[in-house]
Amino acid sequence: MRKGHHVMFAFLLCSCLVWAQRAQPGVLSADELKHAVPSGYFFDGQSAPVEMRNSAGFRTADGKLVLAGLVDTSGYATNVQQKYEGFFITQVKLSIGGSTLDPGAYGFGFTKDGTFLVMNVAATEMLSAASMNDEKLAHPVPLKMMQDADGYRLYHGRNYVTLKTQ
C-alpha cells in the first residue's frame, strides 16, 4: 500500500471503531447502568442508597435515558414505605397507562393492588396507572426492564407497566 492508502485505511478504521462504540438504543447493560444510575437518591426529605442489582433502564434513539431502581427505604416512615420503592428518572416525555409524565426525577412504587405510582421528590402523586400481570414471565425478579412492541415494560416481579416515549 502507498502512504496515502495507509492514512485512509487508518482513518476508516478509527471511524468504524467510534461508530461501534456509540451507545445503541435499547435496554441498558449492567455496565451501562453502573455509569448512569446514582448511588443514592433523595426523596421526601431523606436520602436512601440505591440497590444497583435492582436497577434498570433504556436509551432512546436520540441517546436520552430512562432509569429506575429500588432503594433501601428502611429509614422512611411506614406510610411512605407503602408507596415508595425507588427512583424513576426520565430525560424524555413518557406515556404510562394513558397518562403523560414529563422529563424529571421522581419516586415510584407498586401498591399491593398493583397500581403503579409516580411521585415528585416531595412525595406528591404525579401519576398512577394500573399494572398488568405477566404469568408467563419465566424468572420474575424485584425489578427489570424489557423491550416489547409497544415500548418498554418496567417489571416489578410479574407486574409491569408499559413505558412509551412521546
N, C-alpha and C. Protein backbone atom coordinates (compact mmCIF):
# COMPACT_ATOMS: atom_id res chain seq x y z
N MET A 1 0.83 -1.19 0.00
CA MET A 1 0.00 0.00 0.00
C MET A 1 0.88 1.25 0.00
N ARG A 2 0.38 2.23 -0.67
CA ARG A 2 1.08 3.50 -0.64
C ARG A 2 0.71 4.26 0.62
N LYS A 3 1.51 5.27 0.94
CA LYS A 3 1.34 6.04 2.17
C LYS A 3 -0.08 6.63 2.29
N GLY A 4 -0.62 7.14 1.22
CA GLY A 4 -1.95 7.74 1.24
C GLY A 4 -3.03 6.71 1.57
N HIS A 5 -2.84 5.49 1.07
CA HIS A 5 -3.80 4.44 1.37
C HIS A 5 -3.75 4.03 2.84
N HIS A 6 -2.56 4.05 3.44
CA HIS A 6 -2.42 3.72 4.86
C HIS A 6 -3.17 4.73 5.73
N VAL A 7 -3.02 5.99 5.37
CA VAL A 7 -3.69 7.05 6.14
C VAL A 7 -5.21 6.90 6.01
N MET A 8 -5.69 6.64 4.79
CA MET A 8 -7.12 6.49 4.57
C MET A 8 -7.64 5.26 5.31
N PHE A 9 -6.90 4.16 5.25
CA PHE A 9 -7.29 2.94 5.95
C PHE A 9 -7.38 3.19 7.46
N ALA A 10 -6.38 3.87 8.02
CA ALA A 10 -6.36 4.18 9.45
C ALA A 10 -7.54 5.07 9.83
N PHE A 11 -7.86 6.05 8.99
CA PHE A 11 -8.99 6.93 9.25
C PHE A 11 -10.30 6.14 9.24
N LEU A 12 -10.47 5.27 8.24
CA LEU A 12 -11.69 4.46 8.16
C LEU A 12 -11.81 3.51 9.35
N LEU A 13 -10.70 2.91 9.76
CA LEU A 13 -10.70 2.02 10.91
C LEU A 13 -11.12 2.77 12.18
N CYS A 14 -10.55 3.94 12.40
CA CYS A 14 -10.91 4.75 13.58
C CYS A 14 -12.37 5.17 13.53
N SER A 15 -12.85 5.54 12.36
CA SER A 15 -14.25 5.93 12.21
C SER A 15 -15.18 4.78 12.57
N CYS A 16 -14.83 3.58 12.11
CA CYS A 16 -15.65 2.40 12.42
C CYS A 16 -15.64 2.10 13.91
N LEU A 17 -14.50 2.24 14.55
CA LEU A 17 -14.41 1.98 15.99
C LEU A 17 -15.25 2.98 16.78
N VAL A 18 -15.20 4.26 16.41
CA VAL A 18 -16.00 5.28 17.09
C VAL A 18 -17.48 4.99 16.88
N TRP A 19 -17.88 4.63 15.66
CA TRP A 19 -19.28 4.32 15.39
C TRP A 19 -19.74 3.12 16.21
N ALA A 20 -18.89 2.09 16.32
CA ALA A 20 -19.25 0.89 17.06
C ALA A 20 -19.39 1.16 18.55
N GLN A 21 -18.68 2.17 19.07
CA GLN A 21 -18.72 2.47 20.49
C GLN A 21 -19.87 3.39 20.87
N ARG A 22 -20.53 3.98 19.89
CA ARG A 22 -21.67 4.85 20.20
C ARG A 22 -22.74 4.03 20.90
N ALA A 23 -23.35 4.62 21.86
CA ALA A 23 -24.39 3.93 22.62
C ALA A 23 -25.58 3.64 21.72
N GLN A 24 -26.03 2.42 21.76
CA GLN A 24 -27.16 1.98 20.96
C GLN A 24 -28.46 2.12 21.76
N PRO A 25 -29.58 2.41 21.08
CA PRO A 25 -30.85 2.46 21.79
C PRO A 25 -31.24 1.07 22.28
N GLY A 26 -32.01 1.03 23.36
CA GLY A 26 -32.49 -0.24 23.90
C GLY A 26 -32.23 -0.35 25.38
N VAL A 27 -32.50 -1.52 25.92
CA VAL A 27 -32.30 -1.78 27.35
C VAL A 27 -30.81 -1.67 27.67
N LEU A 28 -30.50 -1.01 28.77
CA LEU A 28 -29.10 -0.80 29.17
C LEU A 28 -28.49 -2.07 29.76
N SER A 29 -27.21 -2.27 29.45
CA SER A 29 -26.47 -3.39 30.02
C SER A 29 -26.10 -3.07 31.47
N ALA A 30 -25.63 -4.07 32.18
CA ALA A 30 -25.20 -3.88 33.58
C ALA A 30 -24.08 -2.85 33.65
N ASP A 31 -23.16 -2.88 32.70
CA ASP A 31 -22.05 -1.92 32.70
C ASP A 31 -22.55 -0.51 32.43
N GLU A 32 -23.50 -0.35 31.51
CA GLU A 32 -24.06 0.97 31.23
C GLU A 32 -24.81 1.50 32.45
N LEU A 33 -25.50 0.61 33.16
CA LEU A 33 -26.23 1.03 34.36
C LEU A 33 -25.26 1.53 35.44
N LYS A 34 -24.12 0.88 35.59
CA LYS A 34 -23.12 1.30 36.58
C LYS A 34 -22.70 2.75 36.37
N HIS A 35 -22.67 3.19 35.11
CA HIS A 35 -22.25 4.56 34.80
C HIS A 35 -23.38 5.57 34.87
N ALA A 36 -24.62 5.11 34.82
CA ALA A 36 -25.75 6.04 34.77
C ALA A 36 -26.57 6.13 36.05
N VAL A 37 -26.66 5.06 36.80
CA VAL A 37 -27.52 5.01 37.99
C VAL A 37 -26.83 5.68 39.18
N PRO A 38 -27.55 6.57 39.89
CA PRO A 38 -26.95 7.20 41.07
C PRO A 38 -26.78 6.19 42.21
N SER A 39 -25.82 6.44 43.09
CA SER A 39 -25.60 5.53 44.22
C SER A 39 -26.59 5.77 45.35
N GLY A 40 -27.16 6.97 45.39
CA GLY A 40 -28.16 7.32 46.39
C GLY A 40 -29.22 8.18 45.75
N TYR A 41 -30.39 8.27 46.41
CA TYR A 41 -31.48 9.05 45.84
C TYR A 41 -32.22 9.80 46.93
N PHE A 42 -32.50 11.08 46.69
CA PHE A 42 -33.22 11.94 47.61
C PHE A 42 -34.71 11.88 47.31
N PHE A 43 -35.52 11.64 48.36
CA PHE A 43 -36.97 11.62 48.21
C PHE A 43 -37.62 11.95 49.54
N ASP A 44 -38.58 12.84 49.53
CA ASP A 44 -39.37 13.20 50.71
C ASP A 44 -38.49 13.53 51.91
N GLY A 45 -37.46 14.33 51.67
CA GLY A 45 -36.62 14.83 52.77
C GLY A 45 -35.54 13.90 53.26
N GLN A 46 -35.38 12.74 52.63
CA GLN A 46 -34.35 11.80 53.05
C GLN A 46 -33.58 11.27 51.84
N SER A 47 -32.38 10.79 52.10
CA SER A 47 -31.58 10.17 51.06
C SER A 47 -31.45 8.68 51.37
N ALA A 48 -31.57 7.85 50.35
CA ALA A 48 -31.51 6.40 50.54
C ALA A 48 -30.54 5.80 49.52
N PRO A 49 -29.81 4.74 49.92
CA PRO A 49 -28.93 4.07 48.98
C PRO A 49 -29.71 3.30 47.91
N VAL A 50 -29.19 3.33 46.69
CA VAL A 50 -29.81 2.63 45.56
C VAL A 50 -29.32 1.19 45.53
N GLU A 51 -30.22 0.26 45.25
CA GLU A 51 -29.88 -1.15 45.08
C GLU A 51 -29.50 -1.37 43.61
N MET A 52 -28.21 -1.31 43.31
CA MET A 52 -27.76 -1.40 41.92
C MET A 52 -28.25 -2.67 41.23
N ARG A 53 -28.29 -3.78 41.95
CA ARG A 53 -28.73 -5.05 41.33
C ARG A 53 -30.20 -5.00 40.94
N ASN A 54 -30.95 -4.08 41.52
CA ASN A 54 -32.37 -3.91 41.20
C ASN A 54 -32.60 -2.57 40.51
N SER A 55 -31.77 -2.29 39.53
CA SER A 55 -31.89 -1.08 38.71
C SER A 55 -31.99 -1.49 37.25
N ALA A 56 -32.66 -0.67 36.46
CA ALA A 56 -32.85 -0.97 35.04
C ALA A 56 -33.02 0.34 34.29
N GLY A 57 -32.91 0.27 32.99
CA GLY A 57 -33.11 1.46 32.19
C GLY A 57 -33.04 1.17 30.70
N PHE A 58 -33.37 2.20 29.93
CA PHE A 58 -33.22 2.09 28.48
C PHE A 58 -32.77 3.42 27.91
N ARG A 59 -32.20 3.34 26.71
CA ARG A 59 -31.74 4.52 25.98
C ARG A 59 -32.60 4.65 24.73
N THR A 60 -33.02 5.88 24.44
CA THR A 60 -33.82 6.15 23.25
C THR A 60 -32.89 6.29 22.04
N ALA A 61 -33.49 6.37 20.86
CA ALA A 61 -32.70 6.51 19.63
C ALA A 61 -31.85 7.78 19.63
N ASP A 62 -32.30 8.83 20.32
CA ASP A 62 -31.52 10.07 20.36
C ASP A 62 -30.59 10.15 21.59
N GLY A 63 -30.39 9.03 22.28
CA GLY A 63 -29.42 8.96 23.36
C GLY A 63 -29.93 9.35 24.74
N LYS A 64 -31.20 9.66 24.88
CA LYS A 64 -31.76 10.02 26.18
C LYS A 64 -32.01 8.77 27.02
N LEU A 65 -31.96 8.92 28.34
CA LEU A 65 -32.10 7.77 29.24
C LEU A 65 -33.41 7.81 30.04
N VAL A 66 -33.89 6.61 30.37
CA VAL A 66 -34.96 6.41 31.32
C VAL A 66 -34.43 5.36 32.29
N LEU A 67 -34.37 5.71 33.59
CA LEU A 67 -33.78 4.85 34.61
C LEU A 67 -34.76 4.62 35.75
N ALA A 68 -34.70 3.43 36.33
CA ALA A 68 -35.49 3.11 37.52
C ALA A 68 -34.66 2.19 38.39
N GLY A 69 -34.83 2.32 39.69
CA GLY A 69 -34.11 1.44 40.60
C GLY A 69 -34.75 1.43 41.97
N LEU A 70 -34.64 0.31 42.64
CA LEU A 70 -35.14 0.20 44.00
C LEU A 70 -34.13 0.81 44.96
N VAL A 71 -34.63 1.34 46.07
CA VAL A 71 -33.76 1.92 47.10
C VAL A 71 -34.08 1.27 48.45
N ASP A 72 -33.17 1.42 49.38
CA ASP A 72 -33.38 0.93 50.74
C ASP A 72 -34.25 1.95 51.47
N THR A 73 -35.51 1.61 51.70
CA THR A 73 -36.46 2.55 52.32
C THR A 73 -36.62 2.31 53.83
N SER A 74 -35.70 1.56 54.43
CA SER A 74 -35.85 1.21 55.85
C SER A 74 -35.91 2.43 56.77
N GLY A 75 -35.33 3.56 56.39
CA GLY A 75 -35.36 4.75 57.23
C GLY A 75 -36.60 5.61 57.06
N TYR A 76 -37.46 5.25 56.13
CA TYR A 76 -38.66 6.03 55.86
C TYR A 76 -39.82 5.60 56.75
N ALA A 77 -40.76 6.51 56.96
CA ALA A 77 -41.97 6.21 57.72
C ALA A 77 -42.77 5.12 57.00
N THR A 78 -43.53 4.34 57.75
CA THR A 78 -44.29 3.21 57.20
C THR A 78 -45.23 3.66 56.08
N ASN A 79 -45.90 4.80 56.24
CA ASN A 79 -46.85 5.25 55.22
C ASN A 79 -46.13 5.61 53.92
N VAL A 80 -44.88 6.05 53.99
CA VAL A 80 -44.10 6.34 52.78
C VAL A 80 -43.60 5.03 52.17
N GLN A 81 -43.15 4.10 53.00
CA GLN A 81 -42.66 2.80 52.51
C GLN A 81 -43.73 2.04 51.74
N GLN A 82 -45.01 2.25 52.10
CA GLN A 82 -46.09 1.53 51.44
C GLN A 82 -46.30 1.96 49.99
N LYS A 83 -45.80 3.14 49.60
CA LYS A 83 -45.99 3.58 48.22
C LYS A 83 -44.68 3.91 47.50
N TYR A 84 -43.59 4.09 48.23
CA TYR A 84 -42.32 4.47 47.64
C TYR A 84 -41.32 3.32 47.70
N GLU A 85 -40.86 2.89 46.55
CA GLU A 85 -39.89 1.79 46.49
C GLU A 85 -38.59 2.19 45.81
N GLY A 86 -38.63 3.22 44.98
CA GLY A 86 -37.41 3.54 44.25
C GLY A 86 -37.46 4.85 43.51
N PHE A 87 -36.41 5.06 42.71
CA PHE A 87 -36.30 6.27 41.92
C PHE A 87 -36.69 5.99 40.48
N PHE A 88 -37.17 7.02 39.82
CA PHE A 88 -37.54 6.94 38.41
C PHE A 88 -37.08 8.24 37.76
N ILE A 89 -36.12 8.15 36.87
CA ILE A 89 -35.56 9.34 36.20
C ILE A 89 -35.79 9.19 34.70
N THR A 90 -36.37 10.21 34.09
CA THR A 90 -36.58 10.18 32.65
C THR A 90 -36.12 11.49 32.01
N GLN A 91 -35.39 11.37 30.92
CA GLN A 91 -34.95 12.54 30.16
C GLN A 91 -35.90 12.82 29.00
N VAL A 92 -36.94 12.01 28.85
CA VAL A 92 -37.91 12.18 27.77
C VAL A 92 -39.32 12.13 28.33
N LYS A 93 -40.25 12.70 27.59
CA LYS A 93 -41.67 12.62 27.96
C LYS A 93 -42.14 11.19 27.71
N LEU A 94 -42.85 10.62 28.67
CA LEU A 94 -43.33 9.25 28.58
C LEU A 94 -44.84 9.18 28.68
N SER A 95 -45.40 8.14 28.10
CA SER A 95 -46.79 7.78 28.30
C SER A 95 -46.78 6.48 29.11
N ILE A 96 -47.50 6.50 30.23
CA ILE A 96 -47.59 5.34 31.11
C ILE A 96 -49.07 5.14 31.44
N GLY A 97 -49.63 4.05 30.99
CA GLY A 97 -51.03 3.76 31.28
C GLY A 97 -51.97 4.85 30.81
N GLY A 98 -51.66 5.49 29.70
CA GLY A 98 -52.52 6.54 29.16
C GLY A 98 -52.28 7.92 29.74
N SER A 99 -51.40 8.03 30.74
CA SER A 99 -51.06 9.33 31.32
C SER A 99 -49.67 9.76 30.85
N THR A 100 -49.44 11.06 30.86
CA THR A 100 -48.15 11.60 30.42
C THR A 100 -47.30 11.98 31.62
N LEU A 101 -46.01 11.65 31.52
CA LEU A 101 -45.04 12.03 32.54
C LEU A 101 -43.94 12.82 31.86
N ASP A 102 -43.72 14.05 32.34
CA ASP A 102 -42.68 14.92 31.79
C ASP A 102 -41.31 14.49 32.26
N PRO A 103 -40.25 14.89 31.54
CA PRO A 103 -38.89 14.58 31.99
C PRO A 103 -38.69 15.08 33.42
N GLY A 104 -37.97 14.31 34.21
CA GLY A 104 -37.72 14.70 35.58
C GLY A 104 -37.24 13.54 36.42
N ALA A 105 -37.07 13.82 37.70
CA ALA A 105 -36.64 12.82 38.68
C ALA A 105 -37.78 12.61 39.67
N TYR A 106 -38.16 11.36 39.86
CA TYR A 106 -39.33 11.02 40.64
C TYR A 106 -39.06 9.84 41.57
N GLY A 107 -39.99 9.61 42.47
CA GLY A 107 -40.04 8.37 43.24
C GLY A 107 -41.15 7.53 42.65
N PHE A 108 -41.07 6.20 42.82
CA PHE A 108 -42.13 5.34 42.31
C PHE A 108 -42.36 4.17 43.25
N GLY A 109 -43.48 3.51 43.05
CA GLY A 109 -43.79 2.29 43.79
C GLY A 109 -44.95 1.57 43.16
N PHE A 110 -45.05 0.28 43.46
CA PHE A 110 -46.19 -0.54 43.05
C PHE A 110 -46.94 -0.87 44.33
N THR A 111 -48.22 -0.52 44.41
CA THR A 111 -49.01 -0.81 45.60
C THR A 111 -49.41 -2.28 45.63
N LYS A 112 -49.96 -2.71 46.75
CA LYS A 112 -50.38 -4.12 46.89
C LYS A 112 -51.45 -4.50 45.88
N ASP A 113 -52.28 -3.54 45.48
CA ASP A 113 -53.32 -3.85 44.48
C ASP A 113 -52.81 -3.75 43.05
N GLY A 114 -51.50 -3.48 42.87
CA GLY A 114 -50.90 -3.45 41.54
C GLY A 114 -50.87 -2.10 40.87
N THR A 115 -51.23 -1.06 41.57
CA THR A 115 -51.18 0.28 40.98
C THR A 115 -49.73 0.78 40.97
N PHE A 116 -49.32 1.34 39.84
CA PHE A 116 -48.01 1.95 39.70
C PHE A 116 -48.15 3.42 40.02
N LEU A 117 -47.41 3.91 41.02
CA LEU A 117 -47.46 5.31 41.42
C LEU A 117 -46.15 6.00 41.09
N VAL A 118 -46.24 7.23 40.60
CA VAL A 118 -45.07 8.08 40.39
C VAL A 118 -45.32 9.36 41.18
N MET A 119 -44.33 9.73 42.00
CA MET A 119 -44.45 10.91 42.86
C MET A 119 -43.27 11.83 42.63
N ASN A 120 -43.48 13.14 42.82
CA ASN A 120 -42.34 14.04 42.75
C ASN A 120 -41.51 13.86 44.03
N VAL A 121 -40.38 14.55 44.14
CA VAL A 121 -39.49 14.32 45.29
C VAL A 121 -40.08 14.80 46.61
N ALA A 122 -41.18 15.52 46.56
CA ALA A 122 -41.88 15.93 47.78
C ALA A 122 -42.96 14.92 48.16
N ALA A 123 -43.04 13.79 47.46
CA ALA A 123 -43.99 12.70 47.70
C ALA A 123 -45.41 13.03 47.26
N THR A 124 -45.57 14.02 46.38
CA THR A 124 -46.88 14.34 45.82
C THR A 124 -47.10 13.46 44.60
N GLU A 125 -48.24 12.77 44.55
CA GLU A 125 -48.52 11.87 43.44
C GLU A 125 -48.66 12.64 42.13
N MET A 126 -47.92 12.19 41.12
CA MET A 126 -47.94 12.82 39.81
C MET A 126 -48.69 11.96 38.78
N LEU A 127 -48.69 10.64 38.99
CA LEU A 127 -49.28 9.73 38.02
C LEU A 127 -49.59 8.42 38.70
N SER A 128 -50.68 7.80 38.32
CA SER A 128 -50.97 6.43 38.76
C SER A 128 -51.51 5.67 37.57
N ALA A 129 -51.14 4.40 37.49
CA ALA A 129 -51.58 3.57 36.38
C ALA A 129 -51.73 2.13 36.86
N ALA A 130 -52.73 1.46 36.36
CA ALA A 130 -52.92 0.05 36.70
C ALA A 130 -51.82 -0.76 36.02
N SER A 131 -51.26 -1.70 36.75
CA SER A 131 -50.24 -2.56 36.16
C SER A 131 -50.90 -3.79 35.57
N MET A 132 -50.19 -4.45 34.69
CA MET A 132 -50.63 -5.72 34.10
C MET A 132 -49.85 -6.83 34.79
N ASN A 133 -50.35 -8.07 34.69
CA ASN A 133 -49.66 -9.20 35.27
C ASN A 133 -49.22 -10.14 34.15
N ASP A 134 -47.96 -10.56 34.20
CA ASP A 134 -47.39 -11.44 33.18
C ASP A 134 -47.12 -12.81 33.80
N GLU A 135 -48.11 -13.69 33.77
CA GLU A 135 -47.98 -15.03 34.35
C GLU A 135 -46.97 -15.89 33.60
N LYS A 136 -46.66 -15.53 32.35
CA LYS A 136 -45.73 -16.32 31.54
C LYS A 136 -44.27 -15.94 31.78
N LEU A 137 -44.02 -14.90 32.56
CA LEU A 137 -42.64 -14.48 32.83
C LEU A 137 -41.93 -15.59 33.57
N ALA A 138 -40.86 -16.11 32.97
CA ALA A 138 -40.17 -17.29 33.50
C ALA A 138 -39.48 -17.05 34.84
N HIS A 139 -38.75 -15.99 34.97
CA HIS A 139 -37.98 -15.74 36.19
C HIS A 139 -38.23 -14.32 36.71
N PRO A 140 -39.32 -14.12 37.44
CA PRO A 140 -39.58 -12.78 37.96
C PRO A 140 -38.52 -12.36 38.98
N VAL A 141 -38.12 -11.10 38.91
CA VAL A 141 -37.15 -10.52 39.84
C VAL A 141 -37.75 -9.23 40.39
N PRO A 142 -37.14 -8.66 41.43
CA PRO A 142 -37.73 -7.46 42.03
C PRO A 142 -37.94 -6.31 41.03
N LEU A 143 -37.00 -6.09 40.09
CA LEU A 143 -37.16 -5.00 39.13
C LEU A 143 -36.36 -5.33 37.87
N LYS A 144 -37.01 -5.17 36.72
CA LYS A 144 -36.29 -5.33 35.46
C LYS A 144 -37.05 -4.60 34.36
N MET A 145 -36.36 -4.38 33.25
CA MET A 145 -36.95 -3.70 32.11
C MET A 145 -36.73 -4.54 30.87
N MET A 146 -37.77 -4.64 30.05
CA MET A 146 -37.69 -5.40 28.79
C MET A 146 -38.35 -4.59 27.68
N GLN A 147 -37.78 -4.70 26.48
CA GLN A 147 -38.38 -4.04 25.33
C GLN A 147 -39.49 -4.92 24.78
N ASP A 148 -40.58 -4.29 24.34
CA ASP A 148 -41.63 -5.02 23.63
C ASP A 148 -42.11 -4.18 22.47
N ALA A 149 -43.09 -4.65 21.74
CA ALA A 149 -43.56 -3.96 20.54
C ALA A 149 -44.12 -2.57 20.83
N ASP A 150 -44.65 -2.36 22.03
CA ASP A 150 -45.28 -1.09 22.38
C ASP A 150 -44.33 -0.10 23.04
N GLY A 151 -43.15 -0.51 23.42
CA GLY A 151 -42.21 0.36 24.12
C GLY A 151 -41.32 -0.49 25.02
N TYR A 152 -41.36 -0.18 26.31
CA TYR A 152 -40.58 -0.92 27.30
C TYR A 152 -41.48 -1.27 28.48
N ARG A 153 -41.27 -2.46 29.00
CA ARG A 153 -42.01 -2.89 30.18
C ARG A 153 -41.12 -2.74 31.40
N LEU A 154 -41.63 -2.06 32.42
CA LEU A 154 -40.96 -1.97 33.71
C LEU A 154 -41.65 -2.99 34.61
N TYR A 155 -40.91 -4.05 34.95
CA TYR A 155 -41.44 -5.14 35.76
C TYR A 155 -41.10 -4.97 37.23
N HIS A 156 -42.06 -5.30 38.06
CA HIS A 156 -41.88 -5.45 39.50
C HIS A 156 -42.43 -6.83 39.80
N GLY A 157 -41.54 -7.82 39.86
CA GLY A 157 -42.00 -9.20 39.93
C GLY A 157 -42.68 -9.55 38.62
N ARG A 158 -43.92 -10.02 38.69
CA ARG A 158 -44.69 -10.34 37.47
C ARG A 158 -45.55 -9.16 37.00
N ASN A 159 -45.69 -8.13 37.83
CA ASN A 159 -46.47 -6.95 37.44
C ASN A 159 -45.61 -6.01 36.60
N TYR A 160 -46.24 -5.34 35.64
CA TYR A 160 -45.49 -4.40 34.81
C TYR A 160 -46.39 -3.28 34.31
N VAL A 161 -45.73 -2.18 33.95
CA VAL A 161 -46.36 -1.10 33.22
C VAL A 161 -45.55 -0.88 31.95
N THR A 162 -46.23 -0.40 30.91
CA THR A 162 -45.54 -0.12 29.65
C THR A 162 -45.18 1.35 29.59
N LEU A 163 -43.92 1.62 29.26
CA LEU A 163 -43.40 2.96 29.11
C LEU A 163 -43.23 3.24 27.62
N LYS A 164 -43.88 4.29 27.13
CA LYS A 164 -43.78 4.65 25.71
C LYS A 164 -43.22 6.06 25.62
N THR A 165 -42.20 6.24 24.80
CA THR A 165 -41.65 7.58 24.62
C THR A 165 -42.60 8.38 23.72
N GLN A 166 -42.64 9.70 23.95
CA GLN A 166 -43.50 10.57 23.14
C GLN A 166 -42.67 11.52 22.32
